Amino acid sequence: MSATTVSAVPKYRHHKGTGQAFIQVKGRRHYLGKWNTPKSKEHYAAFVAELVVNPVCAPVRPSALTTVVELIEAYWTFAVGYYTKGGQPTSTLDGIRQSLHLLRSLYGTTPANEFGPVALKAVRGQMLGSGRLNRTTINKRIDIIRRMFKWAVAEEIVAPAVYQGLQAVAGLRKGRTEARESKPVLPVADDLVEATLPYLPAVLADMVRFQRLTGARPGELFQLRPCDVDRSDEVWEYRPADHKTAYRGRERIVYIGPKAQQVLLPYLLRDAQANCFSPVESEQKRHEEQRKRRLTRVQPSQRNRRKARPKKAPRTAYTKDSYQRAIARAVVKANRERTEAAADMGVEPILLPHWHANQLRHSKATEIRRQFGLEAAQVSLGHAKADVTQIYAERDSRLAVEVARKIG
């Protein structure tokens, strides 16, 4: 909306039931005060002026009639536009949706200016009582609610004192709450990874190998293209077009050594702008392997059984969920085979524990820190702070054992 779009300016209207003046924007009513008074007309003029400046998120005048549900709707409009990357919504939106759902059901009709610390504790108590969320997740969801009220203060939707009051509610402390703790993410043993690889499609198996050798984030694998890899030196450098800390202006470089180069090289022989690891290519290779293992002759009618218009065509790039599902399916296949083999021999099967892709990054962090120190692990994994690397790298106790053996 621009200042010249006179026809789009919402009208100053009268709500006969309450005697209030209101303005309606995008199907939402914003109350301005008593009908036909100088104050309500002043609010109307200010509202229209602010709407011209910021048409994406309609302003809301601070009022006792601004409810929590109205605030949630306004904040969601802002969040949908803000938390996007490359035109796609980020996972942050899922966290916001889940956090505000309970708030809306408990306090939707409460005036936003009356929402205080006790109410925030009540929302947290419901999260705690469900038993489904761990302590860290509860604290994150409460922080999202606080962040919404902070945004509302900046937009002059609620009074500053509301957000100040919510800041007084401290997060749940470890050992001082009934909330369960989240399990730490530990490195995955290399022998477990090797035992899983034969049950993965060829492309996915190479993705796992490449991630283990480089410590790349899963998202950095999915967007890898030949044009992103600098092969001018002995150690190649991969600069992801998009990465976790790009919004902070930081550069991310994934260093690719000789072993990782051998894994990646066959996938560079394609269009420079194409994804190296493609689900479409993976499906093609899987079908080719199935044909090779086939014992009977392929009938002419079965040589090409692809559907002209499949309901679900393979994506051009993997996602975090599809990558993890593939690893989980491979572990299930391996355990099924181990169970059958053990039954034939009359012994108990030794099953593989489930693991996920992020553990590969932890494994790399631990290996680098053990051999080259914390700073090397920090640079290799692309962490801005060393304390983040400490979380990823499992503490190596061998040095402590050696000290105790000699002087303890």
Protein backbone atom coordinates (compact mmCIF):
# COMPACT_ATOMS: atom_id res chain seq x y z
CA MET A 1 0.00 0.00 0.00
CA SER A 2 1.33 3.46 -0.82
CA ALA A 3 0.25 6.97 0.13
CA THR A 4 -1.32 7.40 -3.29
CA THR A 5 -3.61 4.36 -2.91
CA VAL A 6 -6.51 6.35 -1.47
CA SER A 7 -9.14 3.71 -2.25
CA ALA A 8 -7.25 1.14 -0.15
CA VAL A 9 -7.35 3.25 3.03
CA PRO A 10 -9.65 1.46 5.55
CA LYS A 11 -12.68 3.36 6.80
CA TYR A 12 -13.36 4.76 10.27
CA ARG A 13 -16.27 2.55 11.38
CA HIS A 14 -18.77 2.26 14.24
CA HIS A 15 -19.42 -0.93 16.23
CA LYS A 16 -23.00 -0.45 17.45
CA GLY A 17 -22.82 -3.25 20.01
CA THR A 18 -19.97 -1.69 22.02
CA GLY A 19 -20.13 1.92 20.88
CA GLN A 20 -16.51 1.67 19.85
CA ALA A 21 -14.82 2.98 16.71
CA PHE A 22 -12.81 0.44 14.80
CA ILE A 23 -10.82 -0.08 11.64
CA GLN A 24 -10.73 -3.36 9.72
CA VAL A 25 -7.58 -4.53 7.92
CA LYS A 26 -7.14 -7.96 6.31
CA GLY A 27 -10.26 -9.27 8.05
CA ARG A 28 -9.13 -8.16 11.53
CA ARG A 29 -10.76 -5.45 13.62
CA HIS A 30 -8.64 -2.94 15.53
CA TYR A 31 -10.57 -0.89 18.07
CA LEU A 32 -9.68 2.79 18.45
CA GLY A 33 -11.77 3.95 21.39
CA LYS A 34 -15.20 5.55 21.83
CA TRP A 35 -16.99 6.31 18.57
CA ASN A 36 -16.81 9.86 17.15
CA THR A 37 -14.46 11.24 19.80
CA PRO A 38 -11.34 13.32 19.07
CA LYS A 39 -9.14 10.65 20.68
CA SER A 40 -10.50 7.79 18.54
CA LYS A 41 -10.19 9.94 15.40
CA GLU A 42 -6.62 10.74 16.35
CA HIS A 43 -5.91 7.01 16.73
CA TYR A 44 -7.50 6.44 13.33
CA ALA A 45 -5.30 9.03 11.63
CA ALA A 46 -2.17 7.59 13.28
CA PHE A 47 -3.20 4.04 12.35
CA VAL A 48 -3.62 4.95 8.67
CA ALA A 49 -0.28 6.79 8.65
CA GLU A 50 1.53 3.78 10.14
CA LEU A 51 -0.25 1.40 7.76
CA VAL A 52 1.15 3.34 4.78
CA VAL A 53 4.68 3.01 6.20
CA ASN A 54 4.36 -0.68 7.09
CA PRO A 55 1.59 -2.38 5.04
CA VAL A 56 2.91 -5.92 5.71
CA CYS A 57 2.16 -5.83 9.41
CA ALA A 58 -0.85 -3.71 10.27
CA PRO A 59 -0.27 -1.54 13.36
CA VAL A 60 -2.38 -2.09 16.42
CA ARG A 61 -3.01 0.74 18.86
CA PRO A 62 -2.37 -0.13 22.52
CA SER A 63 -5.77 -0.76 24.04
CA ALA A 64 -7.45 -2.95 26.62
CA LEU A 65 -9.40 -4.37 23.69
CA THR A 66 -6.23 -5.79 22.09
CA THR A 67 -6.40 -9.42 23.13
CA VAL A 68 -3.67 -12.04 23.20
CA VAL A 69 -5.17 -13.78 20.17
CA GLU A 70 -5.04 -10.51 18.21
CA LEU A 71 -1.42 -10.09 19.23
CA ILE A 72 -0.63 -13.64 18.11
CA GLU A 73 -2.21 -13.01 14.71
CA ALA A 74 -0.21 -9.80 14.25
CA TYR A 75 3.04 -11.46 15.32
CA TRP A 76 2.44 -14.44 13.05
CA THR A 77 2.00 -12.11 10.07
CA PHE A 78 5.37 -10.58 10.90
CA ALA A 79 7.08 -13.96 11.53
CA VAL A 80 5.95 -15.50 8.23
CA GLY A 81 7.64 -12.68 6.36
CA TYR A 82 10.74 -12.53 8.57
CA TYR A 83 11.70 -16.16 9.14
CA THR A 84 12.24 -17.19 5.53
CA LYS A 85 15.30 -18.22 3.53
CA GLY A 86 15.34 -18.25 -0.23
CA GLY A 87 11.60 -17.73 -0.28
CA GLN A 88 11.01 -20.82 1.88
CA PRO A 89 9.83 -20.83 5.53
CA THR A 90 12.45 -21.90 8.06
CA SER A 91 12.04 -24.38 10.91
CA THR A 92 11.76 -21.42 13.30
CA LEU A 93 8.16 -20.98 12.23
CA ASP A 94 7.29 -24.47 13.47
CA GLY A 95 8.68 -23.60 16.89
CA ILE A 96 6.67 -20.37 16.97
CA ARG A 97 3.47 -22.15 15.94
CA GLN A 98 3.85 -24.82 18.63
CA SER A 99 4.77 -22.27 21.31
CA LEU A 100 1.81 -19.97 20.66
CA HIS A 101 -0.81 -22.70 20.28
CA LEU A 102 -1.07 -23.36 24.03
CA LEU A 103 -0.88 -19.64 24.83
CA ARG A 104 -3.83 -19.01 22.52
CA SER A 105 -5.97 -21.80 24.00
CA LEU A 106 -5.38 -20.61 27.60
CA TYR A 107 -5.28 -16.82 27.28
CA GLY A 108 -6.65 -15.99 23.82
CA THR A 109 -9.36 -13.59 25.09
CA THR A 110 -7.16 -11.98 27.77
CA PRO A 111 -6.17 -8.36 27.07
CA ALA A 112 -2.52 -8.41 26.02
CA ASN A 113 -1.65 -5.66 28.48
CA GLU A 114 -2.91 -7.85 31.34
CA PHE A 115 -0.73 -10.86 30.50
CA GLY A 116 1.88 -11.07 33.24
CA PRO A 117 4.46 -13.33 34.92
CA VAL A 118 1.86 -15.51 36.70
CA ALA A 119 0.09 -16.19 33.40
CA LEU A 120 3.42 -17.07 31.74
CA LYS A 121 4.17 -19.49 34.58
CA ALA A 122 0.74 -21.05 34.10
CA VAL A 123 1.49 -21.67 30.41
CA ARG A 124 4.81 -23.20 31.39
CA GLY A 125 3.08 -25.34 34.00
CA GLN A 126 0.81 -26.81 31.31
CA MET A 127 3.86 -27.62 29.17
CA LEU A 128 5.51 -29.24 32.16
CA GLY A 129 2.39 -31.20 33.12
CA SER A 130 2.02 -32.76 29.68
CA GLY A 131 5.21 -34.79 30.24
CA ARG A 132 5.99 -34.68 26.51
CA LEU A 133 8.52 -31.84 26.53
CA ASN A 134 11.99 -31.78 28.04
CA ARG A 135 13.37 -28.89 30.05
CA THR A 136 15.30 -27.33 27.18
CA THR A 137 12.30 -27.37 24.84
CA ILE A 138 10.04 -25.80 27.47
CA ASN A 139 12.54 -22.99 28.06
CA LYS A 140 12.80 -22.37 24.31
CA ARG A 141 9.02 -22.14 23.91
CA ILE A 142 8.68 -19.75 26.83
CA ASP A 143 11.43 -17.61 25.29
CA ILE A 144 9.46 -17.46 22.03
CA ILE A 145 6.43 -16.13 23.92
CA ARG A 146 8.61 -13.52 25.60
CA ARG A 147 10.11 -12.60 22.23
CA MET A 148 6.63 -12.02 20.84
CA PHE A 149 5.86 -9.54 23.63
CA LYS A 150 9.21 -7.83 23.06
CA TRP A 151 8.23 -7.37 19.41
CA ALA A 152 4.82 -6.09 20.53
CA VAL A 153 6.50 -3.41 22.67
CA ALA A 154 8.53 -2.24 19.66
CA GLU A 155 5.33 -2.07 17.59
CA GLU A 156 3.51 -0.19 20.40
CA ILE A 157 0.94 -2.94 20.74
CA VAL A 158 1.53 -3.51 24.46
CA ALA A 159 3.05 -1.39 27.20
CA PRO A 160 6.79 -1.86 27.93
CA ALA A 161 5.99 -2.93 31.50
CA VAL A 162 4.38 -6.13 30.16
CA TYR A 163 7.61 -7.39 28.61
CA GLN A 164 9.63 -6.24 31.60
CA GLY A 165 7.42 -8.31 33.86
CA LEU A 166 7.78 -11.43 31.70
CA GLN A 167 11.58 -11.13 31.88
CA ALA A 168 11.34 -11.76 35.61
CA VAL A 169 10.31 -15.38 34.94
CA ALA A 170 13.55 -17.36 35.01
CA GLY A 171 14.06 -20.49 32.92
CA LEU A 172 13.76 -23.96 34.40
CA ARG A 173 17.04 -25.00 36.02
CA LYS A 174 18.59 -28.42 35.71
CA GLY A 175 18.00 -30.49 38.86
CA ARG A 176 15.40 -28.05 40.18
CA THR A 177 12.42 -29.08 38.10
CA GLU A 178 10.39 -32.17 37.32
CA ALA A 179 10.93 -31.66 33.58
CA ARG A 180 12.98 -34.43 32.05
CA GLU A 181 16.38 -33.68 30.55
CA SER A 182 17.14 -34.11 26.87
CA LYS A 183 19.64 -36.80 26.01
CA PRO A 184 23.05 -35.46 24.95
CA VAL A 185 23.99 -35.97 21.31
CA LEU A 186 27.08 -38.20 21.33
CA PRO A 187 29.42 -39.15 18.50
CA VAL A 188 28.51 -42.24 16.50
CA ALA A 189 31.08 -45.02 16.36
CA ASP A 190 32.73 -45.52 12.99
CA ASP A 191 32.09 -49.27 13.06
CA LEU A 192 28.36 -48.57 13.48
CA VAL A 193 28.43 -46.25 10.46
CA GLU A 194 30.32 -48.84 8.40
CA ALA A 195 27.80 -51.53 9.36
CA THR A 196 24.95 -49.29 8.14
CA LEU A 197 26.44 -48.16 4.81
CA PRO A 198 25.74 -51.39 2.83
CA TYR A 199 22.01 -50.94 3.48
CA LEU A 200 21.89 -47.37 2.18
CA PRO A 201 21.41 -46.43 -1.49
CA ALA A 202 24.75 -45.59 -3.14
CA VAL A 203 24.20 -41.82 -3.24
CA LEU A 204 23.11 -41.65 0.41
CA ALA A 205 26.01 -43.85 1.49
CA ASP A 206 28.41 -41.38 -0.15
CA MET A 207 26.64 -38.49 1.59
CA VAL A 208 27.27 -40.17 4.95
CA ARG A 209 30.93 -40.80 4.06
CA PHE A 210 31.40 -37.20 2.93
CA GLN A 211 29.76 -35.77 6.04
CA ARG A 212 31.85 -37.95 8.35
CA LEU A 213 35.07 -36.90 6.61
CA THR A 214 34.32 -33.16 6.49
CA GLY A 215 32.06 -32.49 9.49
CA ALA A 216 29.62 -30.60 7.23
CA ARG A 217 26.11 -29.87 8.43
CA PRO A 218 23.37 -31.92 6.72
CA GLY A 219 21.93 -28.77 5.13
CA GLU A 220 25.32 -28.01 3.58
CA LEU A 221 25.30 -31.42 1.90
CA PHE A 222 21.91 -30.94 0.34
CA GLN A 223 22.81 -27.70 -1.48
CA LEU A 224 26.32 -28.75 -2.58
CA ARG A 225 26.94 -27.97 -6.29
CA PRO A 226 30.10 -28.28 -8.43
CA CYS A 227 30.24 -24.50 -8.86
CA ASP A 228 30.54 -24.08 -5.07
CA VAL A 229 33.77 -26.09 -4.81
CA ASP A 230 37.15 -24.41 -5.27
CA ARG A 231 39.60 -27.11 -6.48
CA SER A 232 42.60 -24.84 -7.11
CA ASP A 233 44.60 -26.06 -4.07
CA GLU A 234 45.50 -29.42 -2.58
CA VAL A 235 42.67 -29.10 -0.07
CA TRP A 236 39.42 -28.12 -1.79
CA GLU A 237 37.17 -25.44 -0.31
CA TYR A 238 33.38 -25.57 -0.42
CA ARG A 239 31.56 -22.32 0.32
CA PRO A 240 27.83 -23.01 0.84
CA ALA A 241 25.56 -20.43 -0.75
CA ASP A 242 23.45 -20.54 2.42
CA HIS A 243 24.38 -21.71 5.90
CA LYS A 244 23.34 -21.49 9.54
CA THR A 245 25.18 -18.25 10.42
CA ALA A 246 24.87 -16.47 7.05
CA TYR A 247 22.45 -13.93 8.55
CA ARG A 248 25.27 -12.77 10.84
CA GLY A 249 27.50 -12.00 7.88
CA ARG A 250 29.89 -14.88 8.55
CA GLU A 251 31.52 -16.94 5.83
CA ARG A 252 31.40 -20.72 6.01
CA ILE A 253 34.09 -22.86 4.40
CA VAL A 254 33.99 -26.66 4.37
CA TYR A 255 37.51 -28.00 3.82
CA ILE A 256 37.65 -31.13 1.67
CA GLY A 257 40.72 -33.35 2.11
CA PRO A 258 41.97 -36.19 -0.14
CA LYS A 259 39.64 -38.89 1.24
CA ALA A 260 36.55 -36.69 0.95
CA GLN A 261 37.67 -35.63 -2.54
CA GLN A 262 37.60 -39.25 -3.68
CA VAL A 263 34.00 -39.56 -2.47
CA LEU A 264 32.90 -36.28 -4.06
CA LEU A 265 34.73 -36.40 -7.39
CA PRO A 266 32.19 -38.56 -9.31
CA TYR A 267 29.42 -36.15 -8.31
CA LEU A 268 31.21 -33.12 -9.77
CA LEU A 269 30.88 -34.46 -13.32
CA ARG A 270 27.57 -32.75 -14.01
CA ASP A 271 26.08 -29.33 -14.67
CA ALA A 272 27.83 -26.79 -12.46
CA GLN A 273 24.51 -25.53 -11.05
CA ALA A 274 23.02 -28.98 -10.34
CA ASN A 275 22.93 -30.58 -6.89
CA CYS A 276 25.73 -33.10 -6.42
CA PHE A 277 23.62 -35.41 -4.28
CA SER A 278 20.30 -35.82 -6.10
CA PRO A 279 17.31 -37.94 -4.97
CA VAL A 280 16.39 -38.44 -8.63
CA GLU A 281 19.81 -39.89 -9.40
CA SER A 282 19.65 -42.03 -6.26
CA GLU A 283 16.33 -43.54 -7.37
CA GLN A 284 17.74 -44.27 -10.84
CA LYS A 285 20.73 -46.07 -9.35
CA ARG A 286 18.51 -48.02 -6.97
CA HIS A 287 16.34 -49.25 -9.85
CA GLU A 288 19.45 -50.22 -11.84
CA GLU A 289 20.76 -52.28 -8.91
CA GLN A 290 17.39 -53.99 -8.53
CA ARG A 291 17.51 -54.96 -12.21
CA LYS A 292 21.02 -56.38 -11.83
CA ARG A 293 19.93 -58.56 -8.89
CA ARG A 294 16.85 -59.80 -10.75
CA LEU A 295 17.07 -63.52 -11.51
CA THR A 296 14.27 -63.78 -14.08
CA ARG A 297 14.12 -62.16 -17.49
CA VAL A 298 12.54 -58.71 -17.66
CA GLN A 299 9.38 -58.78 -19.75
CA PRO A 300 9.04 -56.08 -22.48
CA SER A 301 6.01 -54.61 -20.72
CA GLN A 302 8.06 -54.17 -17.53
CA ARG A 303 11.17 -52.56 -18.99
CA ASN A 304 9.85 -49.08 -18.29
CA ARG A 305 7.17 -49.01 -15.62
CA ARG A 306 7.55 -45.37 -14.69
CA LYS A 307 4.29 -43.57 -14.25
CA ALA A 308 3.68 -40.71 -16.66
CA ARG A 309 2.34 -38.55 -13.85
CA PRO A 310 3.49 -39.93 -10.49
CA LYS A 311 1.69 -38.61 -7.43
CA LYS A 312 5.00 -38.09 -5.64
CA ALA A 313 8.03 -37.40 -7.83
CA PRO A 314 11.55 -37.40 -6.30
CA ARG A 315 12.75 -33.99 -5.14
CA THR A 316 15.73 -32.24 -6.71
CA ALA A 317 17.47 -32.08 -3.33
CA TYR A 318 17.36 -34.00 -0.06
CA THR A 319 15.92 -32.57 3.14
CA LYS A 320 16.86 -33.10 6.76
CA ASP A 321 13.87 -35.42 7.24
CA SER A 322 14.41 -37.49 4.09
CA TYR A 323 18.11 -37.92 4.90
CA GLN A 324 17.34 -39.08 8.42
CA ARG A 325 14.55 -41.42 7.28
CA ALA A 326 16.96 -43.10 4.88
CA ILE A 327 19.47 -43.73 7.68
CA ALA A 328 16.74 -45.06 9.97
CA ARG A 329 15.46 -47.43 7.26
CA ALA A 330 19.00 -48.70 6.66
CA VAL A 331 19.43 -49.55 10.35
CA VAL A 332 16.07 -51.39 10.32
CA LYS A 333 17.13 -53.42 7.25
CA ALA A 334 20.46 -54.29 8.83
CA ASN A 335 18.80 -55.43 12.06
CA ARG A 336 16.23 -57.50 10.16
CA GLU A 337 19.01 -59.34 8.38
CA ARG A 338 20.95 -59.81 11.60
CA THR A 339 17.85 -61.16 13.35
CA GLU A 340 17.20 -63.70 10.58
CA ALA A 341 20.84 -64.81 10.56
CA ALA A 342 20.89 -65.19 14.34
CA ALA A 343 17.66 -67.22 14.26
CA ASP A 344 19.21 -69.64 11.77
CA MET A 345 22.19 -70.13 14.11
CA GLY A 346 20.06 -70.27 17.26
CA VAL A 347 21.76 -67.32 18.96
CA GLU A 348 20.70 -63.88 20.14
CA PRO A 349 21.11 -61.19 17.46
CA ILE A 350 23.49 -58.27 17.99
CA LEU A 351 21.41 -55.34 16.77
CA LEU A 352 22.63 -51.95 15.61
CA PRO A 353 21.45 -48.98 17.70
CA HIS A 354 19.69 -46.20 15.83
CA TRP A 355 21.77 -43.13 15.07
CA HIS A 356 21.22 -39.87 13.20
CA ALA A 357 23.17 -37.63 10.84
CA ASN A 358 24.07 -34.91 13.37
CA GLN A 359 26.11 -37.48 15.30
CA LEU A 360 28.53 -37.62 12.36
CA ARG A 361 29.38 -33.97 12.99
CA HIS A 362 29.96 -34.71 16.65
CA SER A 363 32.28 -37.56 15.67
CA LYS A 364 34.33 -35.27 13.45
CA ALA A 365 34.53 -32.61 16.17
CA THR A 366 35.81 -35.14 18.69
CA GLU A 367 38.39 -36.53 16.28
CA ILE A 368 39.77 -33.10 15.34
CA ARG A 369 39.94 -31.86 18.91
CA ARG A 370 41.67 -35.02 20.04
CA GLN A 371 44.40 -34.70 17.40
CA PHE A 372 44.72 -30.95 16.81
CA GLY A 373 43.04 -29.15 19.71
CA LEU A 374 39.92 -27.11 20.36
CA GLU A 375 40.77 -24.20 18.06
CA ALA A 376 41.23 -26.52 15.07
CA ALA A 377 37.86 -28.13 15.74
CA GLN A 378 36.24 -24.70 16.05
CA VAL A 379 37.58 -23.54 12.66
CA SER A 380 36.88 -26.83 10.86
CA LEU A 381 33.26 -27.03 12.02
CA GLY A 382 32.56 -23.34 11.41
CA HIS A 383 31.69 -22.43 15.01
CA ALA A 384 31.83 -18.78 16.02
CA LYS A 385 32.55 -19.66 19.66
CA ALA A 386 34.70 -22.33 21.21
CA ASP A 387 32.05 -23.23 23.80
CA VAL A 388 29.81 -24.49 20.98
CA THR A 389 32.61 -26.77 19.84
CA GLN A 390 32.91 -28.08 23.40
CA ILE A 391 29.30 -29.24 23.17
CA TYR A 392 29.97 -31.06 19.90
CA ALA A 393 33.24 -32.66 20.90
CA GLU A 394 32.98 -35.49 23.40
CA ARG A 395 35.51 -35.03 26.14
CA ASP A 396 38.51 -37.24 25.56
CA SER A 397 39.32 -38.89 28.90
CA ARG A 398 42.49 -40.62 27.76
CA LEU A 399 44.69 -37.70 28.86
CA ALA A 400 43.14 -37.69 32.34
CA VAL A 401 43.67 -41.45 32.59
CA GLU A 402 47.32 -41.02 31.64
CA VAL A 403 47.80 -38.30 34.27
CA ALA A 404 46.21 -40.46 36.97
CA ARG A 405 48.36 -43.42 35.95
CA LYS A 406 51.59 -41.47 36.33
CA ILE A 407 50.96 -39.23 39.36
CA GLY A 408 47.75 -40.50 40.96
